[in-house]
Amino acid sequence: MKDNKHIEFQPPEDLKRCIEFHGHLCPGLIYGYIVAKAATVLLQLDRSRDEEVVAISENDSCAVDALQILLGTSIGKGNLILKDYGKNVYTILNRQKKEAFRFSRKKHYQYQGKDINEFTRLDAAISSGTATEKEKRRHKMMKSGDLLQRPFDDIFSTEKIDPVMPPYAPLARSEACAICGEMTMSTKMVEAENGQRICIPCAS
């Protein structure tokens, strides 16, 4: 696991799996981790083997990787939906119970852990562009450890919402594009003026 020697706390096993998948520990991963943990309790979730759980992320940040590992959501299964609005907002749905919660990060982050003077110095170095790689890693570790110690409600607001269940991932046969010959999902093909069915890149 990368950067293990820099971690000053012992991550729980489920967080270790997230770090292993993502490649490193960082605050963004922690945001996804704590959202997934909160959703698991509120919605009484088991890790999704198929599309029982749906996650809708309003960003494409590091947090998404924790949702994948803990909730079993993925682009390939069709139960991870990315709406890249750049917002720290996540909606988690339980299809069986027809319930959903929306989690929205409340405010700008402020460090509340130990060694505030060190964190302030590192923060300033990063803002000025003078921080070394070691200082950047240390900053991430301090922030990540602090986030894990905070009550969830300090970081995210939680709202139970009326769920709008997305359709299950579509299945469709593949056929060859009339121009390039590459196999393409039939429902994604375009009909050309001459009536031929072609893929989107060829149509462009």
C-alpha atoms as a PDB file:
ATOM      1  CA  MET A   1       0.000   0.000   0.000  1.00  0.00           C
ATOM      2  CA  LYS A   2       1.478   3.355  -1.042  1.00  0.00           C
ATOM      3  CA  ASP A   3       2.650   5.871   1.555  1.00  0.00           C
ATOM      4  CA  ASN A   4       1.973   3.486   4.418  1.00  0.00           C
ATOM      5  CA  LYS A   5       4.982   4.774   6.365  1.00  0.00           C
ATOM      6  CA  HIS A   6       3.487   8.265   6.359  1.00  0.00           C
ATOM      7  CA  ILE A   7       0.161   7.243   7.888  1.00  0.00           C
ATOM      8  CA  GLU A   8       0.067   8.070  11.601  1.00  0.00           C
ATOM      9  CA  PHE A   9      -3.090   6.101  12.329  1.00  0.00           C
ATOM     10  CA  GLN A  10      -4.071   2.536  11.563  1.00  0.00           C
ATOM     11  CA  PRO A  11      -6.805   2.541   8.906  1.00  0.00           C
ATOM     12  CA  PRO A  12      -9.673   0.077   9.425  1.00  0.00           C
ATOM     13  CA  GLU A  13      -9.712  -2.888   7.068  1.00  0.00           C
ATOM     14  CA  ASP A  14     -12.451  -1.532   4.814  1.00  0.00           C
ATOM     15  CA  LEU A  15     -10.539   1.739   4.372  1.00  0.00           C
ATOM     16  CA  LYS A  16      -7.391  -0.254   3.579  1.00  0.00           C
ATOM     17  CA  ARG A  17      -9.289  -1.876   0.695  1.00  0.00           C
ATOM     18  CA  CYS A  18     -10.273   1.562  -0.591  1.00  0.00           C
ATOM     19  CA  ILE A  19      -6.672   2.790  -0.361  1.00  0.00           C
ATOM     20  CA  GLU A  20      -5.374  -0.315  -2.145  1.00  0.00           C
ATOM     21  CA  PHE A  21      -7.828   0.214  -4.999  1.00  0.00           C
ATOM     22  CA  HIS A  22      -7.332   3.984  -5.236  1.00  0.00           C
ATOM     23  CA  GLY A  23      -3.563   3.879  -4.826  1.00  0.00           C
ATOM     24  CA  HIS A  24      -3.127   6.284  -1.900  1.00  0.00           C
ATOM     25  CA  LEU A  25      -4.896   7.836   1.050  1.00  0.00           C
ATOM     26  CA  CYS A  26      -6.273  11.336   0.509  1.00  0.00           C
ATOM     27  CA  PRO A  27      -9.096  13.551   1.819  1.00  0.00           C
ATOM     28  CA  GLY A  28     -11.204  12.977  -1.284  1.00  0.00           C
ATOM     29  CA  LEU A  29     -11.160   9.231  -0.690  1.00  0.00           C
ATOM     30  CA  ILE A  30     -12.179   9.836   2.931  1.00  0.00           C
ATOM     31  CA  TYR A  31     -15.218  11.848   1.834  1.00  0.00           C
ATOM     32  CA  GLY A  32     -16.444   8.907  -0.230  1.00  0.00           C
ATOM     33  CA  TYR A  33     -15.580   6.457   2.539  1.00  0.00           C
ATOM     34  CA  ILE A  34     -17.590   8.226   5.238  1.00  0.00           C
ATOM     35  CA  VAL A  35     -20.548   8.777   2.894  1.00  0.00           C
ATOM     36  CA  ALA A  36     -20.590   5.080   1.993  1.00  0.00           C
ATOM     37  CA  LYS A  37     -20.425   4.112   5.668  1.00  0.00           C
ATOM     38  CA  ALA A  38     -23.283   6.456   6.586  1.00  0.00           C
ATOM     39  CA  ALA A  39     -25.422   5.248   3.689  1.00  0.00           C
ATOM     40  CA  THR A  40     -24.799   1.608   4.609  1.00  0.00           C
ATOM     41  CA  VAL A  41     -26.232   2.200   8.081  1.00  0.00           C
ATOM     42  CA  LEU A  42     -29.160   4.413   7.071  1.00  0.00           C
ATOM     43  CA  LEU A  43     -30.265   2.219   4.161  1.00  0.00           C
ATOM     44  CA  GLN A  44     -29.228  -1.115   5.746  1.00  0.00           C
ATOM     45  CA  LEU A  45     -27.156  -1.963   2.707  1.00  0.00           C
ATOM     46  CA  ASP A  46     -25.162  -5.004   1.762  1.00  0.00           C
ATOM     47  CA  ARG A  47     -22.463  -4.555  -0.864  1.00  0.00           C
ATOM     48  CA  SER A  48     -24.218  -4.573  -4.219  1.00  0.00           C
ATOM     49  CA  ARG A  49     -23.582  -7.710  -6.265  1.00  0.00           C
ATOM     50  CA  ASP A  50     -25.716  -6.490  -9.142  1.00  0.00           C
ATOM     51  CA  GLU A  51     -27.717  -3.227  -9.186  1.00  0.00           C
ATOM     52  CA  GLU A  52     -29.398  -3.411  -5.781  1.00  0.00           C
ATOM     53  CA  VAL A  53     -27.580  -0.259  -4.686  1.00  0.00           C
ATOM     54  CA  VAL A  54     -27.234   2.833  -6.877  1.00  0.00           C
ATOM     55  CA  ALA A  55     -24.812   5.705  -6.249  1.00  0.00           C
ATOM     56  CA  ILE A  56     -25.191   9.049  -7.998  1.00  0.00           C
ATOM     57  CA  SER A  57     -22.113  11.232  -7.626  1.00  0.00           C
ATOM     58  CA  GLU A  58     -22.215  14.889  -8.612  1.00  0.00           C
ATOM     59  CA  ASN A  59     -18.445  14.923  -9.182  1.00  0.00           C
ATOM     60  CA  ASP A  60     -15.728  12.672 -10.577  1.00  0.00           C
ATOM     61  CA  SER A  61     -13.358  12.987  -7.607  1.00  0.00           C
ATOM     62  CA  CYS A  62     -11.372  10.464  -5.579  1.00  0.00           C
ATOM     63  CA  ALA A  63     -14.470   9.886  -3.434  1.00  0.00           C
ATOM     64  CA  VAL A  64     -16.049   7.787  -6.186  1.00  0.00           C
ATOM     65  CA  ASP A  65     -13.482   5.021  -5.700  1.00  0.00           C
ATOM     66  CA  ALA A  66     -14.556   4.495  -2.087  1.00  0.00           C
ATOM     67  CA  LEU A  67     -18.194   4.248  -3.211  1.00  0.00           C
ATOM     68  CA  GLN A  68     -17.181   1.556  -5.686  1.00  0.00           C
ATOM     69  CA  ILE A  69     -15.323  -0.542  -3.120  1.00  0.00           C
ATOM     70  CA  LEU A  70     -17.733  -0.270  -0.186  1.00  0.00           C
ATOM     71  CA  LEU A  71     -21.084  -0.137  -1.995  1.00  0.00           C
ATOM     72  CA  GLY A  72     -20.291  -2.315  -5.012  1.00  0.00           C
ATOM     73  CA  THR A  73     -21.288   0.374  -7.491  1.00  0.00           C
ATOM     74  CA  SER A  74     -19.566   0.660 -10.855  1.00  0.00           C
ATOM     75  CA  ILE A  75     -19.941   2.166 -14.301  1.00  0.00           C
ATOM     76  CA  GLY A  76     -19.821  -1.301 -15.827  1.00  0.00           C
ATOM     77  CA  LYS A  77     -22.800  -2.570 -13.826  1.00  0.00           C
ATOM     78  CA  GLY A  78     -24.722   0.635 -14.459  1.00  0.00           C
ATOM     79  CA  ASN A  79     -25.301   1.405 -10.785  1.00  0.00           C
ATOM     80  CA  LEU A  80     -22.744   4.207 -10.548  1.00  0.00           C
ATOM     81  CA  ILE A  81     -23.971   7.377 -12.229  1.00  0.00           C
ATOM     82  CA  LEU A  82     -21.650  10.362 -12.616  1.00  0.00           C
ATOM     83  CA  LYS A  83     -23.102  13.839 -12.980  1.00  0.00           C
ATOM     84  CA  ASP A  84     -19.975  15.948 -13.083  1.00  0.00           C
ATOM     85  CA  TYR A  85     -21.258  19.182 -11.571  1.00  0.00           C
ATOM     86  CA  GLY A  86     -18.152  19.580  -9.420  1.00  0.00           C
ATOM     87  CA  LYS A  87     -20.297  19.373  -6.275  1.00  0.00           C
ATOM     88  CA  ASN A  88     -19.477  17.325  -3.167  1.00  0.00           C
ATOM     89  CA  VAL A  89     -22.906  15.715  -3.283  1.00  0.00           C
ATOM     90  CA  TYR A  90     -23.786  12.022  -3.348  1.00  0.00           C
ATOM     91  CA  THR A  91     -27.155  10.277  -3.552  1.00  0.00           C
ATOM     92  CA  ILE A  92     -27.359   6.628  -2.516  1.00  0.00           C
ATOM     93  CA  LEU A  93     -30.428   4.521  -3.358  1.00  0.00           C
ATOM     94  CA  ASN A  94     -31.650   1.166  -2.111  1.00  0.00           C
ATOM     95  CA  ARG A  95     -33.773  -0.352  -4.898  1.00  0.00           C
ATOM     96  CA  GLN A  96     -35.356  -3.026  -2.713  1.00  0.00           C
ATOM     97  CA  LYS A  97     -36.499  -0.622  -0.010  1.00  0.00           C
ATOM     98  CA  LYS A  98     -37.183   2.189  -2.513  1.00  0.00           C
ATOM     99  CA  GLU A  99     -35.362   4.598  -0.247  1.00  0.00           C
ATOM    100  CA  ALA A 100     -32.680   7.187  -0.928  1.00  0.00           C
ATOM    101  CA  PHE A 101     -30.504   9.664   0.946  1.00  0.00           C
ATOM    102  CA  ARG A 102     -28.693  12.690  -0.425  1.00  0.00           C
ATOM    103  CA  PHE A 103     -25.434  13.690   1.250  1.00  0.00           C
ATOM    104  CA  SER A 104     -24.069  17.207   0.681  1.00  0.00           C
ATOM    105  CA  ARG A 105     -20.813  18.532   2.078  1.00  0.00           C
ATOM    106  CA  LYS A 106     -21.637  21.472   4.316  1.00  0.00           C
ATOM    107  CA  LYS A 107     -18.818  23.977   4.212  1.00  0.00           C
ATOM    108  CA  HIS A 108     -15.172  24.752   3.557  1.00  0.00           C
ATOM    109  CA  TYR A 109     -12.841  22.402   5.411  1.00  0.00           C
ATOM    110  CA  GLN A 110     -11.124  23.634   8.583  1.00  0.00           C
ATOM    111  CA  TYR A 111      -8.540  21.494  10.336  1.00  0.00           C
ATOM    112  CA  GLN A 112      -9.464  20.575  13.914  1.00  0.00           C
ATOM    113  CA  GLY A 113      -6.800  18.023  14.716  1.00  0.00           C
ATOM    114  CA  LYS A 114      -3.587  18.229  16.657  1.00  0.00           C
ATOM    115  CA  ASP A 115      -0.565  20.187  15.432  1.00  0.00           C
ATOM    116  CA  ILE A 116      -2.593  23.075  14.028  1.00  0.00           C
ATOM    117  CA  ASN A 117       0.586  25.128  13.590  1.00  0.00           C
ATOM    118  CA  GLU A 118       2.157  22.457  11.407  1.00  0.00           C
ATOM    119  CA  PHE A 119      -1.000  22.087   9.349  1.00  0.00           C
ATOM    120  CA  THR A 120      -1.224  25.864   8.856  1.00  0.00           C
ATOM    121  CA  ARG A 121       2.399  25.959   7.697  1.00  0.00           C
ATOM    122  CA  LEU A 122       1.863  23.098   5.251  1.00  0.00           C
ATOM    123  CA  ASP A 123      -1.356  24.679   4.001  1.00  0.00           C
ATOM    124  CA  ALA A 124       0.485  27.919   3.285  1.00  0.00           C
ATOM    125  CA  ALA A 125       3.293  26.096   1.497  1.00  0.00           C
ATOM    126  CA  ILE A 126       0.821  24.280  -0.731  1.00  0.00           C
ATOM    127  CA  SER A 127      -1.083  27.498  -1.490  1.00  0.00           C
ATOM    128  CA  SER A 128       2.147  29.263  -2.463  1.00  0.00           C
ATOM    129  CA  GLY A 129       3.337  26.355  -4.610  1.00  0.00           C
ATOM    130  CA  THR A 130       6.499  25.816  -2.549  1.00  0.00           C
ATOM    131  CA  ALA A 131       5.519  22.567  -0.791  1.00  0.00           C
ATOM    132  CA  THR A 132       7.703  19.520  -1.362  1.00  0.00           C
ATOM    133  CA  GLU A 133       6.200  16.153  -2.233  1.00  0.00           C
ATOM    134  CA  LYS A 134       6.861  15.007   1.325  1.00  0.00           C
ATOM    135  CA  GLU A 135       5.026  18.055   2.689  1.00  0.00           C
ATOM    136  CA  LYS A 136       2.094  17.438   0.359  1.00  0.00           C
ATOM    137  CA  ARG A 137       1.833  13.822   1.546  1.00  0.00           C
ATOM    138  CA  ARG A 138       2.028  14.937   5.179  1.00  0.00           C
ATOM    139  CA  HIS A 139      -0.736  17.494   4.586  1.00  0.00           C
ATOM    140  CA  LYS A 140      -2.978  14.820   3.054  1.00  0.00           C
ATOM    141  CA  MET A 141      -2.339  12.429   5.938  1.00  0.00           C
ATOM    142  CA  MET A 142      -3.126  15.063   8.554  1.00  0.00           C
ATOM    143  CA  LYS A 143      -6.332  16.131   6.826  1.00  0.00           C
ATOM    144  CA  SER A 144      -7.434  12.544   6.201  1.00  0.00           C
ATOM    145  CA  GLY A 145      -6.847  11.548   9.811  1.00  0.00           C
ATOM    146  CA  ASP A 146      -8.723  14.600  11.036  1.00  0.00           C
ATOM    147  CA  LEU A 147     -11.731  13.885   8.810  1.00  0.00           C
ATOM    148  CA  LEU A 148     -11.974  10.326  10.108  1.00  0.00           C
ATOM    149  CA  GLN A 149     -12.195  11.604  13.689  1.00  0.00           C
ATOM    150  CA  ARG A 150     -14.957  14.114  13.029  1.00  0.00           C
ATOM    151  CA  PRO A 151     -18.684  13.412  13.491  1.00  0.00           C
ATOM    152  CA  PHE A 152     -20.263  12.797  10.092  1.00  0.00           C
ATOM    153  CA  ASP A 153     -22.819  15.553  10.652  1.00  0.00           C
ATOM    154  CA  ASP A 154     -19.985  18.080  11.007  1.00  0.00           C
ATOM    155  CA  ILE A 155     -18.999  17.420   7.409  1.00  0.00           C
ATOM    156  CA  PHE A 156     -22.139  16.383   5.506  1.00  0.00           C
ATOM    157  CA  SER A 157     -25.799  17.238   5.650  1.00  0.00           C
ATOM    158  CA  THR A 158     -28.091  14.241   5.216  1.00  0.00           C
ATOM    159  CA  GLU A 159     -31.485  14.421   3.550  1.00  0.00           C
ATOM    160  CA  LYS A 160     -33.927  11.598   2.959  1.00  0.00           C
ATOM    161  CA  ILE A 161     -35.440  12.132  -0.484  1.00  0.00           C
ATOM    162  CA  ASP A 162     -38.145  10.623  -2.633  1.00  0.00           C
ATOM    163  CA  PRO A 163     -36.192   8.210  -4.818  1.00  0.00           C
ATOM    164  CA  VAL A 164     -36.366   8.368  -8.576  1.00  0.00           C
ATOM    165  CA  MET A 165     -35.048   4.957  -9.478  1.00  0.00           C
ATOM    166  CA  PRO A 166     -32.872   4.999 -12.597  1.00  0.00           C
ATOM    167  CA  PRO A 167     -33.537   2.261 -15.134  1.00  0.00           C
ATOM    168  CA  TYR A 168     -31.466  -0.885 -14.980  1.00  0.00           C
ATOM    169  CA  ALA A 169     -28.421  -1.000 -17.224  1.00  0.00           C
ATOM    170  CA  PRO A 170     -29.682  -1.573 -20.793  1.00  0.00           C
ATOM    171  CA  LEU A 171     -28.818  -4.721 -22.687  1.00  0.00           C
ATOM    172  CA  ALA A 172     -28.696  -4.658 -26.468  1.00  0.00           C
ATOM    173  CA  ARG A 173     -27.096  -6.718 -29.231  1.00  0.00           C
ATOM    174  CA  SER A 174     -24.012  -5.493 -31.035  1.00  0.00           C
ATOM    175  CA  GLU A 175     -23.724  -5.027 -34.766  1.00  0.00           C
ATOM    176  CA  ALA A 176     -20.973  -3.949 -37.117  1.00  0.00           C
ATOM    177  CA  CYS A 177     -20.684  -0.304 -38.101  1.00  0.00           C
ATOM    178  CA  ALA A 178     -21.234   0.017 -41.856  1.00  0.00           C
ATOM    179  CA  ILE A 179     -18.139   2.222 -42.191  1.00  0.00           C
ATOM    180  CA  CYS A 180     -15.433   1.026 -39.781  1.00  0.00           C
ATOM    181  CA  GLY A 181     -16.798  -2.473 -39.204  1.00  0.00           C
ATOM    182  CA  GLU A 182     -16.308  -2.312 -35.449  1.00  0.00           C
ATOM    183  CA  MET A 183     -18.902  -3.994 -33.260  1.00  0.00           C
ATOM    184  CA  THR A 184     -21.156  -1.396 -31.642  1.00  0.00           C
ATOM    185  CA  MET A 185     -24.092  -1.499 -29.230  1.00  0.00           C
ATOM    186  CA  SER A 186     -27.093  -1.312 -31.532  1.00  0.00           C
ATOM    187  CA  THR A 187     -28.937   1.272 -29.428  1.00  0.00           C
ATOM    188  CA  LYS A 188     -25.948   3.621 -29.686  1.00  0.00           C
ATOM    189  CA  MET A 189     -25.788   3.568 -33.477  1.00  0.00           C
ATOM    190  CA  VAL A 190     -26.801   6.353 -35.850  1.00  0.00           C
ATOM    191  CA  GLU A 191     -28.670   5.954 -39.110  1.00  0.00           C
ATOM    192  CA  ALA A 192     -26.876   7.714 -41.960  1.00  0.00           C
ATOM    193  CA  GLU A 193     -28.628   9.489 -44.838  1.00  0.00           C
ATOM    194  CA  ASN A 194     -28.158   6.431 -47.036  1.00  0.00           C
ATOM    195  CA  GLY A 195     -29.859   4.254 -44.434  1.00  0.00           C
ATOM    196  CA  GLN A 196     -26.667   2.613 -43.197  1.00  0.00           C
ATOM    197  CA  ARG A 197     -26.248   2.135 -39.455  1.00  0.00           C
ATOM    198  CA  ILE A 198     -22.983   3.577 -38.225  1.00  0.00           C
ATOM    199  CA  CYS A 199     -21.195   4.261 -34.941  1.00  0.00           C
ATOM    200  CA  ILE A 200     -21.087   7.709 -33.348  1.00  0.00           C
ATOM    201  CA  PRO A 201     -17.416   8.415 -34.194  1.00  0.00           C
ATOM    202  CA  CYS A 202     -18.033   7.607 -37.855  1.00  0.00           C
ATOM    203  CA  ALA A 203     -21.120   9.781 -37.837  1.00  0.00           C
ATOM    204  CA  SER A 204     -18.989  12.649 -36.572  1.00  0.00           C
END
